[in-house]
Amino acid sequence: MQFQVGNKIKVLDADQKGVVIRIQKNLITILNDFGFEETFRSNELILDVAFEVGEIKPNRTPSDTNSKKISKRKEVLAPKEIDLHFPSLVDFPGRFEPYEKLQIQLDKVKEELELAKGRKGQRIVFIHGHGSGKLKNEILKLLKNYSQIEVYDASFKKFNGGATEVKFV
């Protein structure tokens, strides 16, 4: 693949993006999103091409839509998903003791519950993962302090038993 200086790129097998700033044979130097220069082989990079949608044209004419009844359904919003895996909550996860990690995770749960409090129908999925079950048990203990909520195991198909769903009623 031919890269040019100024191309926006993504690094394969890594969650990293950047802009090409230098090309030397098969080595491409990029300025990543954090402001650091890094050098990769060209086969480790792909162009970061945004997918653009053109004009959308309806399949029906206005007279078609008028002839059909449109039923109003109550809109069901997808639940808000909160990932409680520790690396997604802090920048440097290795710097914390286990009890600090648990407290930060529980503080995030409390924060999200307070934001959603009083919003009837609001659903939140707390993704805690499998692990030892300590975080899940602590979340369930915390949820006992809240009224007007329902607590479920979140979709097993989607989260494989590693998430808890809360619905405000």
C-alpha atoms as a PDB file:
ATOM      1  CA  MET A   1       0.000   0.000   0.000  1.00  0.00           C
ATOM      2  CA  GLN A   2       1.301   3.428  -0.887  1.00  0.00           C
ATOM      3  CA  PHE A   3       1.278   5.960   1.927  1.00  0.00           C
ATOM      4  CA  GLN A   4       1.931   9.659   1.610  1.00  0.00           C
ATOM      5  CA  VAL A   5       2.930  12.250   4.161  1.00  0.00           C
ATOM      6  CA  GLY A   6      -0.269  13.651   5.667  1.00  0.00           C
ATOM      7  CA  ASN A   7      -2.304  10.433   5.300  1.00  0.00           C
ATOM      8  CA  LYS A   8      -4.446   9.536   8.290  1.00  0.00           C
ATOM      9  CA  ILE A   9      -3.723   5.930   9.296  1.00  0.00           C
ATOM     10  CA  LYS A  10      -4.654   3.221  11.760  1.00  0.00           C
ATOM     11  CA  VAL A  11      -2.267   0.688  13.240  1.00  0.00           C
ATOM     12  CA  LEU A  12      -3.274  -2.915  12.640  1.00  0.00           C
ATOM     13  CA  ASP A  13      -3.719  -5.016  15.802  1.00  0.00           C
ATOM     14  CA  ALA A  14      -3.655  -1.897  18.002  1.00  0.00           C
ATOM     15  CA  ASP A  15      -6.121   0.773  19.019  1.00  0.00           C
ATOM     16  CA  GLN A  16      -4.012   3.577  17.638  1.00  0.00           C
ATOM     17  CA  LYS A  17      -4.342   6.253  14.978  1.00  0.00           C
ATOM     18  CA  GLY A  18      -2.063   8.922  13.613  1.00  0.00           C
ATOM     19  CA  VAL A  19      -0.838  10.982  10.689  1.00  0.00           C
ATOM     20  CA  VAL A  20       2.093  10.023   8.445  1.00  0.00           C
ATOM     21  CA  ILE A  21       4.933  12.505   8.932  1.00  0.00           C
ATOM     22  CA  ARG A  22       7.889  10.665   7.337  1.00  0.00           C
ATOM     23  CA  ILE A  23       8.456   7.780   4.925  1.00  0.00           C
ATOM     24  CA  GLN A  24      11.804   5.968   4.609  1.00  0.00           C
ATOM     25  CA  LYS A  25      11.653   2.925   2.321  1.00  0.00           C
ATOM     26  CA  ASN A  26       9.369   0.435   4.125  1.00  0.00           C
ATOM     27  CA  LEU A  27       9.331   2.379   7.416  1.00  0.00           C
ATOM     28  CA  ILE A  28       6.535   4.836   8.084  1.00  0.00           C
ATOM     29  CA  THR A  29       6.810   7.351  10.933  1.00  0.00           C
ATOM     30  CA  ILE A  30       3.538   8.655  12.330  1.00  0.00           C
ATOM     31  CA  LEU A  31       2.521  11.287  14.845  1.00  0.00           C
ATOM     32  CA  ASN A  32      -0.013   9.450  17.012  1.00  0.00           C
ATOM     33  CA  ASP A  33      -3.067  10.960  18.717  1.00  0.00           C
ATOM     34  CA  PHE A  34      -1.027  11.462  21.888  1.00  0.00           C
ATOM     35  CA  GLY A  35       1.613  13.584  20.121  1.00  0.00           C
ATOM     36  CA  PHE A  36       4.331  10.915  19.990  1.00  0.00           C
ATOM     37  CA  GLU A  37       6.292   9.860  16.926  1.00  0.00           C
ATOM     38  CA  GLU A  38       6.313   6.123  16.249  1.00  0.00           C
ATOM     39  CA  THR A  39       7.755   4.125  13.368  1.00  0.00           C
ATOM     40  CA  PHE A  40       6.048   1.092  11.819  1.00  0.00           C
ATOM     41  CA  ARG A  41       6.568  -1.161   8.819  1.00  0.00           C
ATOM     42  CA  SER A  42       4.111  -0.319   6.050  1.00  0.00           C
ATOM     43  CA  ASN A  43       2.397  -3.719   6.394  1.00  0.00           C
ATOM     44  CA  GLU A  44       1.411  -2.783   9.973  1.00  0.00           C
ATOM     45  CA  LEU A  45      -0.665   0.218   8.843  1.00  0.00           C
ATOM     46  CA  ILE A  46      -3.859   0.901   6.926  1.00  0.00           C
ATOM     47  CA  LEU A  47      -5.408   4.122   5.688  1.00  0.00           C
ATOM     48  CA  ASP A  48      -8.014   5.605   8.032  1.00  0.00           C
ATOM     49  CA  VAL A  49     -10.765   6.211   5.519  1.00  0.00           C
ATOM     50  CA  ALA A  50     -14.035   7.593   6.832  1.00  0.00           C
ATOM     51  CA  PHE A  51     -17.143   5.975   5.428  1.00  0.00           C
ATOM     52  CA  GLU A  52     -19.376   8.657   4.003  1.00  0.00           C
ATOM     53  CA  VAL A  53     -23.037   8.147   3.227  1.00  0.00           C
ATOM     54  CA  GLY A  54     -24.373   9.891   0.164  1.00  0.00           C
ATOM     55  CA  GLU A  55     -27.870  11.195  -0.324  1.00  0.00           C
ATOM     56  CA  ILE A  56     -30.551   8.831   0.941  1.00  0.00           C
ATOM     57  CA  LYS A  57     -33.585   8.524  -1.273  1.00  0.00           C
ATOM     58  CA  PRO A  58     -36.845   7.034  -0.018  1.00  0.00           C
ATOM     59  CA  ASN A  59     -38.229   3.979  -1.817  1.00  0.00           C
ATOM     60  CA  ARG A  60     -41.796   5.273  -1.533  1.00  0.00           C
ATOM     61  CA  THR A  61     -43.524   8.301  -2.888  1.00  0.00           C
ATOM     62  CA  PRO A  62     -45.302  10.648  -0.446  1.00  0.00           C
ATOM     63  CA  SER A  63     -48.697   9.291  -1.531  1.00  0.00           C
ATOM     64  CA  ASP A  64     -47.612   5.759  -0.492  1.00  0.00           C
ATOM     65  CA  THR A  65     -46.838   6.861   3.051  1.00  0.00           C
ATOM     66  CA  ASN A  66     -50.150   8.711   3.402  1.00  0.00           C
ATOM     67  CA  SER A  67     -52.186   5.646   2.493  1.00  0.00           C
ATOM     68  CA  LYS A  68     -50.692   3.495   5.239  1.00  0.00           C
ATOM     69  CA  LYS A  69     -51.472   3.880   8.900  1.00  0.00           C
ATOM     70  CA  ILE A  70     -48.505   4.688  11.031  1.00  0.00           C
ATOM     71  CA  SER A  71     -48.823   3.329  14.514  1.00  0.00           C
ATOM     72  CA  LYS A  72     -47.062   5.122  17.315  1.00  0.00           C
ATOM     73  CA  ARG A  73     -45.112   2.815  19.554  1.00  0.00           C
ATOM     74  CA  LYS A  74     -43.539   3.748  22.785  1.00  0.00           C
ATOM     75  CA  GLU A  75     -39.871   4.135  22.027  1.00  0.00           C
ATOM     76  CA  VAL A  76     -37.728   1.714  23.982  1.00  0.00           C
ATOM     77  CA  LEU A  77     -34.246   3.089  24.458  1.00  0.00           C
ATOM     78  CA  ALA A  78     -31.280   0.800  24.548  1.00  0.00           C
ATOM     79  CA  PRO A  79     -29.720   0.583  27.992  1.00  0.00           C
ATOM     80  CA  LYS A  80     -26.686   2.703  28.787  1.00  0.00           C
ATOM     81  CA  GLU A  81     -23.677   0.379  29.025  1.00  0.00           C
ATOM     82  CA  ILE A  82     -21.042   1.155  31.642  1.00  0.00           C
ATOM     83  CA  ASP A  83     -17.815  -0.834  31.377  1.00  0.00           C
ATOM     84  CA  LEU A  84     -16.427  -1.344  34.870  1.00  0.00           C
ATOM     85  CA  HIS A  85     -13.263  -3.140  33.771  1.00  0.00           C
ATOM     86  CA  PHE A  86     -10.633  -1.123  35.592  1.00  0.00           C
ATOM     87  CA  PRO A  87      -8.434  -0.150  32.603  1.00  0.00           C
ATOM     88  CA  SER A  88     -11.439   1.600  31.030  1.00  0.00           C
ATOM     89  CA  LEU A  89     -11.906   3.774  34.145  1.00  0.00           C
ATOM     90  CA  VAL A  90      -8.384   5.122  34.734  1.00  0.00           C
ATOM     91  CA  ASP A  91      -5.337   5.972  32.659  1.00  0.00           C
ATOM     92  CA  PHE A  92      -2.709   4.016  34.616  1.00  0.00           C
ATOM     93  CA  PRO A  93      -4.417   0.963  36.169  1.00  0.00           C
ATOM     94  CA  GLY A  94      -1.205  -0.599  37.479  1.00  0.00           C
ATOM     95  CA  ARG A  95      -0.756   2.134  40.078  1.00  0.00           C
ATOM     96  CA  PHE A  96      -3.679   1.077  42.297  1.00  0.00           C
ATOM     97  CA  GLU A  97      -4.113  -1.425  45.095  1.00  0.00           C
ATOM     98  CA  PRO A  98      -6.990  -3.942  44.786  1.00  0.00           C
ATOM     99  CA  TYR A  99      -9.150  -2.168  47.393  1.00  0.00           C
ATOM    100  CA  GLU A 100      -8.658   1.169  45.566  1.00  0.00           C
ATOM    101  CA  LYS A 101      -9.678  -0.423  42.282  1.00  0.00           C
ATOM    102  CA  LEU A 102     -12.866  -1.815  43.798  1.00  0.00           C
ATOM    103  CA  GLN A 103     -13.723   1.543  45.370  1.00  0.00           C
ATOM    104  CA  ILE A 104     -13.230   3.398  42.065  1.00  0.00           C
ATOM    105  CA  GLN A 105     -15.458   0.862  40.303  1.00  0.00           C
ATOM    106  CA  LEU A 106     -18.183   1.214  42.956  1.00  0.00           C
ATOM    107  CA  ASP A 107     -17.914   5.014  42.815  1.00  0.00           C
ATOM    108  CA  LYS A 108     -18.572   4.800  39.069  1.00  0.00           C
ATOM    109  CA  VAL A 109     -21.684   2.691  39.736  1.00  0.00           C
ATOM    110  CA  LYS A 110     -22.938   5.242  42.304  1.00  0.00           C
ATOM    111  CA  GLU A 111     -22.253   8.131  39.921  1.00  0.00           C
ATOM    112  CA  GLU A 112     -24.246   6.521  37.089  1.00  0.00           C
ATOM    113  CA  LEU A 113     -27.115   5.598  39.413  1.00  0.00           C
ATOM    114  CA  GLU A 114     -27.346   9.175  40.687  1.00  0.00           C
ATOM    115  CA  LEU A 115     -27.372  10.524  37.125  1.00  0.00           C
ATOM    116  CA  ALA A 116     -30.229   8.198  36.166  1.00  0.00           C
ATOM    117  CA  LYS A 117     -32.208   8.534  39.395  1.00  0.00           C
ATOM    118  CA  GLY A 118     -35.811   9.587  38.806  1.00  0.00           C
ATOM    119  CA  ARG A 119     -35.795   8.788  35.100  1.00  0.00           C
ATOM    120  CA  LYS A 120     -38.551   6.236  34.820  1.00  0.00           C
ATOM    121  CA  GLY A 121     -37.718   3.562  32.267  1.00  0.00           C
ATOM    122  CA  GLN A 122     -34.004   4.382  32.232  1.00  0.00           C
ATOM    123  CA  ARG A 123     -31.887   1.239  31.989  1.00  0.00           C
ATOM    124  CA  ILE A 124     -28.206   0.844  32.783  1.00  0.00           C
ATOM    125  CA  VAL A 125     -26.040  -2.216  32.176  1.00  0.00           C
ATOM    126  CA  PHE A 126     -23.000  -2.456  34.421  1.00  0.00           C
ATOM    127  CA  ILE A 127     -20.405  -4.656  32.727  1.00  0.00           C
ATOM    128  CA  HIS A 128     -18.374  -6.202  35.535  1.00  0.00           C
ATOM    129  CA  GLY A 129     -17.008  -9.281  33.809  1.00  0.00           C
ATOM    130  CA  HIS A 130     -16.657 -12.727  35.331  1.00  0.00           C
ATOM    131  CA  GLY A 131     -13.601 -12.760  37.584  1.00  0.00           C
ATOM    132  CA  SER A 132     -14.054 -13.868  41.186  1.00  0.00           C
ATOM    133  CA  GLY A 133     -17.518 -12.323  41.507  1.00  0.00           C
ATOM    134  CA  LYS A 134     -16.396  -9.807  44.143  1.00  0.00           C
ATOM    135  CA  LEU A 135     -17.345  -6.736  42.069  1.00  0.00           C
ATOM    136  CA  LYS A 136     -20.729  -8.199  41.111  1.00  0.00           C
ATOM    137  CA  ASN A 137     -21.512  -9.015  44.746  1.00  0.00           C
ATOM    138  CA  GLU A 138     -20.510  -5.528  45.883  1.00  0.00           C
ATOM    139  CA  ILE A 139     -22.690  -3.970  43.158  1.00  0.00           C
ATOM    140  CA  LEU A 140     -25.666  -6.067  44.258  1.00  0.00           C
ATOM    141  CA  LYS A 141     -25.100  -4.991  47.891  1.00  0.00           C
ATOM    142  CA  LEU A 142     -24.965  -1.357  46.797  1.00  0.00           C
ATOM    143  CA  LEU A 143     -28.154  -1.673  44.729  1.00  0.00           C
ATOM    144  CA  LYS A 144     -30.091  -2.819  47.809  1.00  0.00           C
ATOM    145  CA  ASN A 145     -29.810   0.785  49.056  1.00  0.00           C
ATOM    146  CA  TYR A 146     -31.801   2.101  46.072  1.00  0.00           C
ATOM    147  CA  SER A 147     -35.571   2.087  45.784  1.00  0.00           C
ATOM    148  CA  GLN A 148     -37.662   2.147  42.620  1.00  0.00           C
ATOM    149  CA  ILE A 149     -35.245  -0.014  40.636  1.00  0.00           C
ATOM    150  CA  GLU A 150     -35.370  -3.519  39.242  1.00  0.00           C
ATOM    151  CA  VAL A 151     -32.174  -5.555  38.968  1.00  0.00           C
ATOM    152  CA  TYR A 152     -31.561  -8.310  36.426  1.00  0.00           C
ATOM    153  CA  ASP A 153     -28.716 -10.297  34.963  1.00  0.00           C
ATOM    154  CA  ALA A 154     -28.066  -8.545  31.655  1.00  0.00           C
ATOM    155  CA  SER A 155     -28.370 -10.363  28.326  1.00  0.00           C
ATOM    156  CA  PHE A 156     -26.444 -13.607  28.609  1.00  0.00           C
ATOM    157  CA  LYS A 157     -26.140 -13.739  24.842  1.00  0.00           C
ATOM    158  CA  LYS A 158     -24.415 -10.355  24.719  1.00  0.00           C
ATOM    159  CA  PHE A 159     -22.456 -10.284  28.010  1.00  0.00           C
ATOM    160  CA  ASN A 160     -22.060 -14.005  28.761  1.00  0.00           C
ATOM    161  CA  GLY A 161     -23.146 -13.543  32.363  1.00  0.00           C
ATOM    162  CA  GLY A 162     -20.679 -10.743  33.058  1.00  0.00           C
ATOM    163  CA  ALA A 163     -23.120  -7.845  33.439  1.00  0.00           C
ATOM    164  CA  THR A 164     -25.971  -6.625  35.626  1.00  0.00           C
ATOM    165  CA  GLU A 165     -28.892  -4.534  34.336  1.00  0.00           C
ATOM    166  CA  VAL A 166     -30.705  -1.930  36.410  1.00  0.00           C
ATOM    167  CA  LYS A 167     -34.064  -0.469  35.374  1.00  0.00           C
ATOM    168  CA  PHE A 168     -35.631   2.555  37.067  1.00  0.00           C
ATOM    169  CA  VAL A 169     -39.379   2.093  37.673  1.00  0.00           C
END
